[in-house]
Amino acid sequence: MFASVRFPTFRVDETICDARYLLMYLKTKEGISQLGKISPGSAGRNRVLSLKRLNEIMIPVIPLHLQKSLMDNISYRIDNVFHLQEKTASELDVLVPSIFKKAFCGEL
């Protein structure tokens, strides 16, 4: 992820929370909504987080071993999806020109 000097950075207490779990939660509709509630202004995606109100965010924290297991499982599935996308893209790179050639030659 990239950051701006306008935005604070934080460290996760890894004895109670997996950083991947926290990030995944904050990307959910609920997480984004909570961040929006403590980010004053109307500048859209460039709104600045209110440090004074940060403690208002409530994150459902499950046991650490379950967080890690969940995130390992999700990461594995995401890797599989990326692999399938790459495979499909390379197959389409071969297939699409062939379809166009047949279409222009009246073979479809």
PDB file of N, CA and C in Angstrom:
ATOM      1  N   MET A   1       0.854  -1.178   0.000  1.00  0.00           N
ATOM      2  CA  MET A   1       0.000   0.000   0.000  1.00  0.00           C
ATOM      3  C   MET A   1       0.893   1.232   0.000  1.00  0.00           C
ATOM      4  N   PHE A   2       0.365   2.309  -0.462  1.00  0.00           N
ATOM      5  CA  PHE A   2       1.099   3.553  -0.498  1.00  0.00           C
ATOM      6  C   PHE A   2       0.437   4.535   0.466  1.00  0.00           C
ATOM      7  N   ALA A   3       1.215   5.457   0.961  1.00  0.00           N
ATOM      8  CA  ALA A   3       0.680   6.428   1.909  1.00  0.00           C
ATOM      9  C   ALA A   3       1.169   7.823   1.556  1.00  0.00           C
ATOM     10  N   SER A   4       0.517   8.787   2.126  1.00  0.00           N
ATOM     11  CA  SER A   4       0.872  10.184   1.939  1.00  0.00           C
ATOM     12  C   SER A   4       1.314  10.737   3.289  1.00  0.00           C
ATOM     13  N   VAL A   5       2.124  11.778   3.266  1.00  0.00           N
ATOM     14  CA  VAL A   5       2.541  12.397   4.529  1.00  0.00           C
ATOM     15  C   VAL A   5       1.355  13.020   5.251  1.00  0.00           C
ATOM     16  N   ARG A   6       0.246  13.200   4.542  1.00  0.00           N
ATOM     17  CA  ARG A   6      -0.959  13.759   5.154  1.00  0.00           C
ATOM     18  C   ARG A   6      -1.693  12.745   6.017  1.00  0.00           C
ATOM     19  N   PHE A   7      -1.344  11.469   5.883  1.00  0.00           N
ATOM     20  CA  PHE A   7      -2.067  10.435   6.597  1.00  0.00           C
ATOM     21  C   PHE A   7      -1.153   9.715   7.585  1.00  0.00           C
ATOM     22  N   PRO A   8      -1.649   9.481   8.783  1.00  0.00           N
ATOM     23  CA  PRO A   8      -0.824   8.800   9.797  1.00  0.00           C
ATOM     24  C   PRO A   8      -0.652   7.315   9.475  1.00  0.00           C
ATOM     25  N   THR A   9       0.403   6.735   9.977  1.00  0.00           N
ATOM     26  CA  THR A   9       0.598   5.291   9.845  1.00  0.00           C
ATOM     27  C   THR A   9       0.585   4.685  11.247  1.00  0.00           C
ATOM     28  N   PHE A  10       0.238   3.429  11.331  1.00  0.00           N
ATOM     29  CA  PHE A  10       0.100   2.760  12.613  1.00  0.00           C
ATOM     30  C   PHE A  10       0.748   1.392  12.558  1.00  0.00           C
ATOM     31  N   ARG A  11       1.058   0.862  13.715  1.00  0.00           N
ATOM     32  CA  ARG A  11       1.547  -0.510  13.840  1.00  0.00           C
ATOM     33  C   ARG A  11       0.460  -1.339  14.509  1.00  0.00           C
ATOM     34  N   VAL A  12       0.345  -2.563  14.055  1.00  0.00           N
ATOM     35  CA  VAL A  12      -0.635  -3.482  14.634  1.00  0.00           C
ATOM     36  C   VAL A  12       0.018  -4.235  15.785  1.00  0.00           C
ATOM     37  N   ASP A  13      -0.705  -4.375  16.880  1.00  0.00           N
ATOM     38  CA  ASP A  13      -0.224  -5.196  17.988  1.00  0.00           C
ATOM     39  C   ASP A  13      -0.411  -6.648  17.552  1.00  0.00           C
ATOM     40  N   GLU A  14       0.662  -7.258  17.082  1.00  0.00           N
ATOM     41  CA  GLU A  14       0.588  -8.603  16.505  1.00  0.00           C
ATOM     42  C   GLU A  14       0.339  -9.703  17.531  1.00  0.00           C
ATOM     43  N   THR A  15       0.276  -9.336  18.807  1.00  0.00           N
ATOM     44  CA  THR A  15      -0.070 -10.341  19.817  1.00  0.00           C
ATOM     45  C   THR A  15      -1.585 -10.536  19.894  1.00  0.00           C
ATOM     46  N   ILE A  16      -2.357  -9.600  19.307  1.00  0.00           N
ATOM     47  CA  ILE A  16      -3.815  -9.737  19.337  1.00  0.00           C
ATOM     48  C   ILE A  16      -4.474  -9.647  17.959  1.00  0.00           C
ATOM     49  N   CYS A  17      -3.720  -9.182  16.950  1.00  0.00           N
ATOM     50  CA  CYS A  17      -4.351  -8.993  15.642  1.00  0.00           C
ATOM     51  C   CYS A  17      -3.361  -9.229  14.509  1.00  0.00           C
ATOM     52  N   ASP A  18      -3.800  -9.957  13.504  1.00  0.00           N
ATOM     53  CA  ASP A  18      -3.036 -10.168  12.280  1.00  0.00           C
ATOM     54  C   ASP A  18      -3.286  -8.953  11.384  1.00  0.00           C
ATOM     55  N   ALA A  19      -2.240  -8.312  10.911  1.00  0.00           N
ATOM     56  CA  ALA A  19      -2.376  -7.102  10.090  1.00  0.00           C
ATOM     57  C   ALA A  19      -3.220  -7.360   8.845  1.00  0.00           C
ATOM     58  N   ARG A  20      -3.101  -8.553   8.263  1.00  0.00           N
ATOM     59  CA  ARG A  20      -3.897  -8.884   7.071  1.00  0.00           C
ATOM     60  C   ARG A  20      -5.381  -8.900   7.411  1.00  0.00           C
ATOM     61  N   TYR A  21      -5.712  -9.396   8.597  1.00  0.00           N
ATOM     62  CA  TYR A  21      -7.103  -9.450   9.051  1.00  0.00           C
ATOM     63  C   TYR A  21      -7.649  -8.027   9.221  1.00  0.00           C
ATOM     64  N   LEU A  22      -6.860  -7.183   9.853  1.00  0.00           N
ATOM     65  CA  LEU A  22      -7.270  -5.795  10.067  1.00  0.00           C
ATOM     66  C   LEU A  22      -7.498  -5.094   8.732  1.00  0.00           C
ATOM     67  N   LEU A  23      -6.556  -5.242   7.818  1.00  0.00           N
ATOM     68  CA  LEU A  23      -6.696  -4.617   6.499  1.00  0.00           C
ATOM     69  C   LEU A  23      -7.941  -5.127   5.779  1.00  0.00           C
ATOM     70  N   MET A  24      -8.152  -6.432   5.812  1.00  0.00           N
ATOM     71  CA  MET A  24      -9.315  -7.016   5.147  1.00  0.00           C
ATOM     72  C   MET A  24     -10.601  -6.446   5.750  1.00  0.00           C
ATOM     73  N   TYR A  25     -10.647  -6.354   7.079  1.00  0.00           N
ATOM     74  CA  TYR A  25     -11.843  -5.809   7.722  1.00  0.00           C
ATOM     75  C   TYR A  25     -12.067  -4.349   7.309  1.00  0.00           C
ATOM     76  N   LEU A  26     -11.002  -3.553   7.319  1.00  0.00           N
ATOM     77  CA  LEU A  26     -11.152  -2.132   6.993  1.00  0.00           C
ATOM     78  C   LEU A  26     -11.522  -1.895   5.530  1.00  0.00           C
ATOM     79  N   LYS A  27     -11.390  -2.921   4.689  1.00  0.00           N
ATOM     80  CA  LYS A  27     -11.797  -2.818   3.286  1.00  0.00           C
ATOM     81  C   LYS A  27     -13.252  -3.243   3.074  1.00  0.00           C
ATOM     82  N   THR A  28     -13.893  -3.789   4.112  1.00  0.00           N
ATOM     83  CA  THR A  28     -15.290  -4.192   3.983  1.00  0.00           C
ATOM     84  C   THR A  28     -16.183  -2.954   4.020  1.00  0.00           C
ATOM     85  N   LYS A  29     -17.436  -3.122   3.627  1.00  0.00           N
ATOM     86  CA  LYS A  29     -18.385  -2.002   3.682  1.00  0.00           C
ATOM     87  C   LYS A  29     -18.487  -1.450   5.096  1.00  0.00           C
ATOM     88  N   GLU A  30     -18.549  -2.355   6.065  1.00  0.00           N
ATOM     89  CA  GLU A  30     -18.656  -1.932   7.465  1.00  0.00           C
ATOM     90  C   GLU A  30     -17.414  -1.153   7.896  1.00  0.00           C
ATOM     91  N   GLY A  31     -16.230  -1.660   7.552  1.00  0.00           N
ATOM     92  CA  GLY A  31     -14.988  -0.986   7.920  1.00  0.00           C
ATOM     93  C   GLY A  31     -14.871   0.384   7.267  1.00  0.00           C
ATOM     94  N   ILE A  32     -15.190   0.456   5.984  1.00  0.00           N
ATOM     95  CA  ILE A  32     -15.134   1.734   5.263  1.00  0.00           C
ATOM     96  C   ILE A  32     -16.137   2.722   5.863  1.00  0.00           C
ATOM     97  N   SER A  33     -17.295   2.217   6.222  1.00  0.00           N
ATOM     98  CA  SER A  33     -18.314   3.070   6.838  1.00  0.00           C
ATOM     99  C   SER A  33     -17.813   3.646   8.160  1.00  0.00           C
ATOM    100  N   GLN A  34     -17.186   2.794   8.984  1.00  0.00           N
ATOM    101  CA  GLN A  34     -16.668   3.273  10.269  1.00  0.00           C
ATOM    102  C   GLN A  34     -15.573   4.319  10.059  1.00  0.00           C
ATOM    103  N   LEU A  35     -14.689   4.078   9.107  1.00  0.00           N
ATOM    104  CA  LEU A  35     -13.632   5.062   8.828  1.00  0.00           C
ATOM    105  C   LEU A  35     -14.235   6.380   8.335  1.00  0.00           C
ATOM    106  N   GLY A  36     -15.275   6.268   7.507  1.00  0.00           N
ATOM    107  CA  GLY A  36     -15.937   7.465   6.993  1.00  0.00           C
ATOM    108  C   GLY A  36     -16.562   8.313   8.086  1.00  0.00           C
ATOM    109  N   LYS A  37     -17.092   7.655   9.097  1.00  0.00           N
ATOM    110  CA  LYS A  37     -17.747   8.381  10.187  1.00  0.00           C
ATOM    111  C   LYS A  37     -16.767   9.210  11.009  1.00  0.00           C
ATOM    112  N   ILE A  38     -15.503   8.820  11.028  1.00  0.00           N
ATOM    113  CA  ILE A  38     -14.527   9.581  11.821  1.00  0.00           C
ATOM    114  C   ILE A  38     -13.571  10.382  10.934  1.00  0.00           C
ATOM    115  N   SER A  39     -13.947  10.533   9.669  1.00  0.00           N
ATOM    116  CA  SER A  39     -13.129  11.314   8.735  1.00  0.00           C
ATOM    117  C   SER A  39     -13.921  12.535   8.317  1.00  0.00           C
ATOM    118  N   PRO A  40     -13.633  13.685   8.916  1.00  0.00           N
ATOM    119  CA  PRO A  40     -14.416  14.886   8.626  1.00  0.00           C
ATOM    120  C   PRO A  40     -14.167  15.411   7.210  1.00  0.00           C
ATOM    121  N   GLY A  41     -15.106  16.225   6.767  1.00  0.00           N
ATOM    122  CA  GLY A  41     -14.946  16.868   5.464  1.00  0.00           C
ATOM    123  C   GLY A  41     -15.711  16.144   4.376  1.00  0.00           C
ATOM    124  N   SER A  42     -15.576  16.672   3.162  1.00  0.00           N
ATOM    125  CA  SER A  42     -16.317  16.091   2.039  1.00  0.00           C
ATOM    126  C   SER A  42     -15.430  15.925   0.811  1.00  0.00           C
ATOM    127  N   ALA A  43     -14.149  15.704   1.021  1.00  0.00           N
ATOM    128  CA  ALA A  43     -13.210  15.593  -0.090  1.00  0.00           C
ATOM    129  C   ALA A  43     -13.140  14.179  -0.669  1.00  0.00           C
ATOM    130  N   GLY A  44     -14.163  13.371  -0.414  1.00  0.00           N
ATOM    131  CA  GLY A  44     -14.195  12.028  -0.976  1.00  0.00           C
ATOM    132  C   GLY A  44     -13.074  11.157  -0.464  1.00  0.00           C
ATOM    133  N   ARG A  45     -12.334  10.545  -1.385  1.00  0.00           N
ATOM    134  CA  ARG A  45     -11.289   9.602  -0.992  1.00  0.00           C
ATOM    135  C   ARG A  45     -10.097  10.267  -0.327  1.00  0.00           C
ATOM    136  N   ASN A  46     -10.009  11.583  -0.359  1.00  0.00           N
ATOM    137  CA  ASN A  46      -8.883  12.299   0.246  1.00  0.00           C
ATOM    138  C   ASN A  46      -9.192  12.843   1.637  1.00  0.00           C
ATOM    139  N   ARG A  47     -10.264  12.358   2.231  1.00  0.00           N
ATOM    140  CA  ARG A  47     -10.616  12.816   3.572  1.00  0.00           C
ATOM    141  C   ARG A  47      -9.577  12.328   4.567  1.00  0.00           C
ATOM    142  N   VAL A  48      -9.269  13.158   5.529  1.00  0.00           N
ATOM    143  CA  VAL A  48      -8.237  12.838   6.518  1.00  0.00           C
ATOM    144  C   VAL A  48      -8.879  12.184   7.742  1.00  0.00           C
ATOM    145  N   LEU A  49      -8.253  11.131   8.222  1.00  0.00           N
ATOM    146  CA  LEU A  49      -8.725  10.398   9.388  1.00  0.00           C
ATOM    147  C   LEU A  49      -8.553  11.241  10.655  1.00  0.00           C
ATOM    148  N   SER A  50      -9.587  11.292  11.487  1.00  0.00           N
ATOM    149  CA  SER A  50      -9.515  12.018  12.752  1.00  0.00           C
ATOM    150  C   SER A  50      -8.868  11.128  13.808  1.00  0.00           C
ATOM    151  N   LEU A  51      -7.651  11.473  14.202  1.00  0.00           N
ATOM    152  CA  LEU A  51      -6.951  10.685  15.216  1.00  0.00           C
ATOM    153  C   LEU A  51      -7.671  10.717  16.559  1.00  0.00           C
ATOM    154  N   LYS A  52      -8.324  11.840  16.859  1.00  0.00           N
ATOM    155  CA  LYS A  52      -9.022  11.971  18.133  1.00  0.00           C
ATOM    156  C   LYS A  52     -10.199  11.011  18.231  1.00  0.00           C
ATOM    157  N   ARG A  53     -10.750  10.631  17.077  1.00  0.00           N
ATOM    158  CA  ARG A  53     -11.936   9.767  17.068  1.00  0.00           C
ATOM    159  C   ARG A  53     -11.603   8.316  16.696  1.00  0.00           C
ATOM    160  N   LEU A  54     -10.330   8.008  16.558  1.00  0.00           N
ATOM    161  CA  LEU A  54      -9.915   6.679  16.122  1.00  0.00           C
ATOM    162  C   LEU A  54     -10.429   5.569  17.048  1.00  0.00           C
ATOM    163  N   ASN A  55     -10.521   5.872  18.326  1.00  0.00           N
ATOM    164  CA  ASN A  55     -10.978   4.858  19.284  1.00  0.00           C
ATOM    165  C   ASN A  55     -12.470   4.529  19.125  1.00  0.00           C
ATOM    166  N   GLU A  56     -13.168   5.237  18.253  1.00  0.00           N
ATOM    167  CA  GLU A  56     -14.581   4.953  18.004  1.00  0.00           C
ATOM    168  C   GLU A  56     -14.773   3.760  17.067  1.00  0.00           C
ATOM    169  N   ILE A  57     -13.730   3.385  16.361  1.00  0.00           N
ATOM    170  CA  ILE A  57     -13.836   2.261  15.436  1.00  0.00           C
ATOM    171  C   ILE A  57     -13.835   0.966  16.231  1.00  0.00           C
ATOM    172  N   MET A  58     -14.849   0.166  16.001  1.00  0.00           N
ATOM    173  CA  MET A  58     -14.977  -1.114  16.681  1.00  0.00           C
ATOM    174  C   MET A  58     -14.711  -2.221  15.662  1.00  0.00           C
ATOM    175  N   ILE A  59     -13.680  -3.010  15.922  1.00  0.00           N
ATOM    176  CA  ILE A  59     -13.288  -4.078  15.007  1.00  0.00           C
ATOM    177  C   ILE A  59     -13.557  -5.417  15.686  1.00  0.00           C
ATOM    178  N   PRO A  60     -14.334  -6.287  15.018  1.00  0.00           N
ATOM    179  CA  PRO A  60     -14.592  -7.599  15.619  1.00  0.00           C
ATOM    180  C   PRO A  60     -13.319  -8.445  15.583  1.00  0.00           C
ATOM    181  N   VAL A  61     -12.733  -8.660  16.732  1.00  0.00           N
ATOM    182  CA  VAL A  61     -11.471  -9.395  16.808  1.00  0.00           C
ATOM    183  C   VAL A  61     -11.749 -10.815  17.295  1.00  0.00           C
ATOM    184  N   ILE A  62     -11.487 -11.766  16.415  1.00  0.00           N
ATOM    185  CA  ILE A  62     -11.606 -13.170  16.779  1.00  0.00           C
ATOM    186  C   ILE A  62     -10.238 -13.640  17.285  1.00  0.00           C
ATOM    187  N   PRO A  63     -10.156 -14.813  17.914  1.00  0.00           N
ATOM    188  CA  PRO A  63      -8.860 -15.276  18.408  1.00  0.00           C
ATOM    189  C   PRO A  63      -7.786 -15.244  17.310  1.00  0.00           C
ATOM    190  N   LEU A  64      -6.578 -14.894  17.708  1.00  0.00           N
ATOM    191  CA  LEU A  64      -5.476 -14.691  16.769  1.00  0.00           C
ATOM    192  C   LEU A  64      -5.238 -15.905  15.873  1.00  0.00           C
ATOM    193  N   HIS A  65      -5.264 -17.097  16.428  1.00  0.00           N
ATOM    194  CA  HIS A  65      -5.016 -18.277  15.589  1.00  0.00           C
ATOM    195  C   HIS A  65      -6.091 -18.435  14.515  1.00  0.00           C
ATOM    196  N   LEU A  66      -7.331 -18.020  14.806  1.00  0.00           N
ATOM    197  CA  LEU A  66      -8.397 -18.073  13.805  1.00  0.00           C
ATOM    198  C   LEU A  66      -8.214 -16.986  12.748  1.00  0.00           C
ATOM    199  N   GLN A  67      -7.745 -15.806  13.170  1.00  0.00           N
ATOM    200  CA  GLN A  67      -7.450 -14.738  12.204  1.00  0.00           C
ATOM    201  C   GLN A  67      -6.413 -15.223  11.191  1.00  0.00           C
ATOM    202  N   LYS A  68      -5.329 -15.800  11.722  1.00  0.00           N
ATOM    203  CA  LYS A  68      -4.248 -16.264  10.850  1.00  0.00           C
ATOM    204  C   LYS A  68      -4.717 -17.373   9.926  1.00  0.00           C
ATOM    205  N   SER A  69      -5.471 -18.306  10.454  1.00  0.00           N
ATOM    206  CA  SER A  69      -5.985 -19.404   9.652  1.00  0.00           C
ATOM    207  C   SER A  69      -6.912 -18.880   8.558  1.00  0.00           C
ATOM    208  N   LEU A  70      -7.800 -17.986   8.934  1.00  0.00           N
ATOM    209  CA  LEU A  70      -8.723 -17.382   7.974  1.00  0.00           C
ATOM    210  C   LEU A  70      -7.971 -16.652   6.873  1.00  0.00           C
ATOM    211  N   MET A  71      -6.990 -15.844   7.255  1.00  0.00           N
ATOM    212  CA  MET A  71      -6.259 -15.063   6.264  1.00  0.00           C
ATOM    213  C   MET A  71      -5.376 -15.950   5.396  1.00  0.00           C
ATOM    214  N   ASP A  72      -4.812 -17.016   5.950  1.00  0.00           N
ATOM    215  CA  ASP A  72      -4.046 -17.965   5.139  1.00  0.00           C
ATOM    216  C   ASP A  72      -4.953 -18.606   4.090  1.00  0.00           C
ATOM    217  N   ASN A  73      -6.161 -18.971   4.513  1.00  0.00           N
ATOM    218  CA  ASN A  73      -7.122 -19.589   3.607  1.00  0.00           C
ATOM    219  C   ASN A  73      -7.528 -18.612   2.500  1.00  0.00           C
ATOM    220  N   ILE A  74      -7.837 -17.378   2.880  1.00  0.00           N
ATOM    221  CA  ILE A  74      -8.229 -16.369   1.901  1.00  0.00           C
ATOM    222  C   ILE A  74      -7.074 -16.080   0.944  1.00  0.00           C
ATOM    223  N   SER A  75      -5.860 -15.959   1.463  1.00  0.00           N
ATOM    224  CA  SER A  75      -4.692 -15.701   0.619  1.00  0.00           C
ATOM    225  C   SER A  75      -4.491 -16.828  -0.388  1.00  0.00           C
ATOM    226  N   TYR A  76      -4.660 -18.066   0.063  1.00  0.00           N
ATOM    227  CA  TYR A  76      -4.530 -19.225  -0.819  1.00  0.00           C
ATOM    228  C   TYR A  76      -5.564 -19.146  -1.948  1.00  0.00           C
ATOM    229  N   ARG A  77      -6.791 -18.811  -1.595  1.00  0.00           N
ATOM    230  CA  ARG A  77      -7.857 -18.726  -2.596  1.00  0.00           C
ATOM    231  C   ARG A  77      -7.618 -17.569  -3.567  1.00  0.00           C
ATOM    232  N   ILE A  78      -7.149 -16.447  -3.056  1.00  0.00           N
ATOM    233  CA  ILE A  78      -6.845 -15.304  -3.924  1.00  0.00           C
ATOM    234  C   ILE A  78      -5.727 -15.659  -4.888  1.00  0.00           C
ATOM    235  N   ASP A  79      -4.689 -16.339  -4.398  1.00  0.00           N
ATOM    236  CA  ASP A  79      -3.609 -16.781  -5.280  1.00  0.00           C
ATOM    237  C   ASP A  79      -4.135 -17.683  -6.384  1.00  0.00           C
ATOM    238  N   ASN A  80      -5.062 -18.582  -6.036  1.00  0.00           N
ATOM    239  CA  ASN A  80      -5.652 -19.463  -7.045  1.00  0.00           C
ATOM    240  C   ASN A  80      -6.439 -18.678  -8.086  1.00  0.00           C
ATOM    241  N   VAL A  81      -7.176 -17.675  -7.646  1.00  0.00           N
ATOM    242  CA  VAL A  81      -7.939 -16.839  -8.581  1.00  0.00           C
ATOM    243  C   VAL A  81      -6.986 -16.112  -9.530  1.00  0.00           C
ATOM    244  N   PHE A  82      -5.899 -15.532  -8.996  1.00  0.00           N
ATOM    245  CA  PHE A  82      -4.930 -14.853  -9.854  1.00  0.00           C
ATOM    246  C   PHE A  82      -4.316 -15.814 -10.864  1.00  0.00           C
ATOM    247  N   HIS A  83      -4.019 -17.035 -10.416  1.00  0.00           N
ATOM    248  CA  HIS A  83      -3.456 -18.035 -11.320  1.00  0.00           C
ATOM    249  C   HIS A  83      -4.449 -18.358 -12.445  1.00  0.00           C
ATOM    250  N   LEU A  84      -5.723 -18.533 -12.079  1.00  0.00           N
ATOM    251  CA  LEU A  84      -6.749 -18.809 -13.094  1.00  0.00           C
ATOM    252  C   LEU A  84      -6.923 -17.634 -14.044  1.00  0.00           C
ATOM    253  N   GLN A  85      -6.836 -16.404 -13.530  1.00  0.00           N
ATOM    254  CA  GLN A  85      -6.939 -15.228 -14.393  1.00  0.00           C
ATOM    255  C   GLN A  85      -5.792 -15.185 -15.389  1.00  0.00           C
ATOM    256  N   GLU A  86      -4.592 -15.473 -14.926  1.00  0.00           N
ATOM    257  CA  GLU A  86      -3.431 -15.480 -15.818  1.00  0.00           C
ATOM    258  C   GLU A  86      -3.578 -16.555 -16.892  1.00  0.00           C
ATOM    259  N   LYS A  87      -4.018 -17.732 -16.479  1.00  0.00           N
ATOM    260  CA  LYS A  87      -4.202 -18.843 -17.426  1.00  0.00           C
ATOM    261  C   LYS A  87      -5.272 -18.480 -18.455  1.00  0.00           C
ATOM    262  N   THR A  88      -6.386 -17.936 -17.978  1.00  0.00           N
ATOM    263  CA  THR A  88      -7.477 -17.554 -18.868  1.00  0.00           C
ATOM    264  C   THR A  88      -7.034 -16.453 -19.828  1.00  0.00           C
ATOM    265  N   ALA A  89      -6.292 -15.474 -19.319  1.00  0.00           N
ATOM    266  CA  ALA A  89      -5.822 -14.370 -20.170  1.00  0.00           C
ATOM    267  C   ALA A  89      -4.934 -14.890 -21.289  1.00  0.00           C
ATOM    268  N   SER A  90      -4.031 -15.810 -20.976  1.00  0.00           N
ATOM    269  CA  SER A  90      -3.148 -16.327 -22.020  1.00  0.00           C
ATOM    270  C   SER A  90      -3.927 -17.178 -23.016  1.00  0.00           C
ATOM    271  N   GLU A  91      -4.942 -17.901 -22.559  1.00  0.00           N
ATOM    272  CA  GLU A  91      -5.783 -18.666 -23.478  1.00  0.00           C
ATOM    273  C   GLU A  91      -6.583 -17.733 -24.381  1.00  0.00           C
ATOM    274  N   LEU A  92      -7.086 -16.632 -23.827  1.00  0.00           N
ATOM    275  CA  LEU A  92      -7.830 -15.658 -24.635  1.00  0.00           C
ATOM    276  C   LEU A  92      -6.931 -14.961 -25.647  1.00  0.00           C
ATOM    277  N   ASP A  93      -5.670 -14.734 -25.266  1.00  0.00           N
ATOM    278  CA  ASP A  93      -4.724 -14.112 -26.197  1.00  0.00           C
ATOM    279  C   ASP A  93      -4.577 -14.943 -27.463  1.00  0.00           C
ATOM    280  N   VAL A  94      -4.714 -16.243 -27.342  1.00  0.00           N
ATOM    281  CA  VAL A  94      -4.628 -17.141 -28.495  1.00  0.00           C
ATOM    282  C   VAL A  94      -5.988 -17.266 -29.177  1.00  0.00           C
ATOM    283  N   LEU A  95      -7.039 -17.356 -28.401  1.00  0.00           N
ATOM    284  CA  LEU A  95      -8.370 -17.623 -28.930  1.00  0.00           C
ATOM    285  C   LEU A  95      -8.989 -16.438 -29.674  1.00  0.00           C
ATOM    286  N   VAL A  96      -8.887 -15.245 -29.123  1.00  0.00           N
ATOM    287  CA  VAL A  96      -9.551 -14.078 -29.722  1.00  0.00           C
ATOM    288  C   VAL A  96      -9.077 -13.810 -31.149  1.00  0.00           C
ATOM    289  N   PRO A  97      -7.793 -13.779 -31.442  1.00  0.00           N
ATOM    290  CA  PRO A  97      -7.384 -13.560 -32.834  1.00  0.00           C
ATOM    291  C   PRO A  97      -7.923 -14.648 -33.783  1.00  0.00           C
ATOM    292  N   SER A  98      -7.982 -15.871 -33.298  1.00  0.00           N
ATOM    293  CA  SER A  98      -8.507 -16.962 -34.110  1.00  0.00           C
ATOM    294  C   SER A  98      -9.986 -16.739 -34.430  1.00  0.00           C
ATOM    295  N   ILE A  99     -10.744 -16.281 -33.440  1.00  0.00           N
ATOM    296  CA  ILE A  99     -12.177 -16.007 -33.657  1.00  0.00           C
ATOM    297  C   ILE A  99     -12.349 -14.869 -34.657  1.00  0.00           C
ATOM    298  N   PHE A 100     -11.572 -13.804 -34.498  1.00  0.00           N
ATOM    299  CA  PHE A 100     -11.660 -12.679 -35.445  1.00  0.00           C
ATOM    300  C   PHE A 100     -11.320 -13.123 -36.867  1.00  0.00           C
ATOM    301  N   LYS A 101     -10.289 -13.933 -36.990  1.00  0.00           N
ATOM    302  CA  LYS A 101      -9.888 -14.412 -38.313  1.00  0.00           C
ATOM    303  C   LYS A 101     -11.031 -15.188 -38.964  1.00  0.00           C
ATOM    304  N   LYS A 102     -11.659 -16.093 -38.190  1.00  0.00           N
ATOM    305  CA  LYS A 102     -12.773 -16.868 -38.729  1.00  0.00           C
ATOM    306  C   LYS A 102     -13.956 -15.961 -39.062  1.00  0.00           C
ATOM    307  N   ALA A 103     -14.207 -14.964 -38.215  1.00  0.00           N
ATOM    308  CA  ALA A 103     -15.323 -14.048 -38.454  1.00  0.00           C
ATOM    309  C   ALA A 103     -15.098 -13.252 -39.734  1.00  0.00           C
ATOM    310  N   PHE A 104     -13.893 -12.756 -39.937  1.00  0.00           N
ATOM    311  CA  PHE A 104     -13.613 -11.960 -41.142  1.00  0.00           C
ATOM    312  C   PHE A 104     -13.561 -12.801 -42.405  1.00  0.00           C
ATOM    313  N   CYS A 105     -13.317 -14.094 -42.266  1.00  0.00           N
ATOM    314  CA  CYS A 105     -13.295 -14.996 -43.424  1.00  0.00           C
ATOM    315  C   CYS A 105     -14.665 -15.630 -43.669  1.00  0.00           C
ATOM    316  N   GLY A 106     -15.653 -15.264 -42.844  1.00  0.00           N
ATOM    317  CA  GLY A 106     -17.006 -15.792 -43.000  1.00  0.00           C
ATOM    318  C   GLY A 106     -17.162 -17.232 -42.558  1.00  0.00           C
ATOM    319  N   GLU A 107     -16.301 -17.679 -41.692  1.00  0.00           N
ATOM    320  CA  GLU A 107     -16.342 -19.077 -41.239  1.00  0.00           C
ATOM    321  C   GLU A 107     -17.167 -19.276 -39.975  1.00  0.00           C
ATOM    322  N   LEU A 108     -17.746 -18.205 -39.447  1.00  0.00           N
ATOM    323  CA  LEU A 108     -18.565 -18.364 -38.230  1.00  0.00           C
ATOM    324  C   LEU A 108     -20.037 -18.428 -38.554  1.00  0.00           C
TER     325      LEU A 108
END
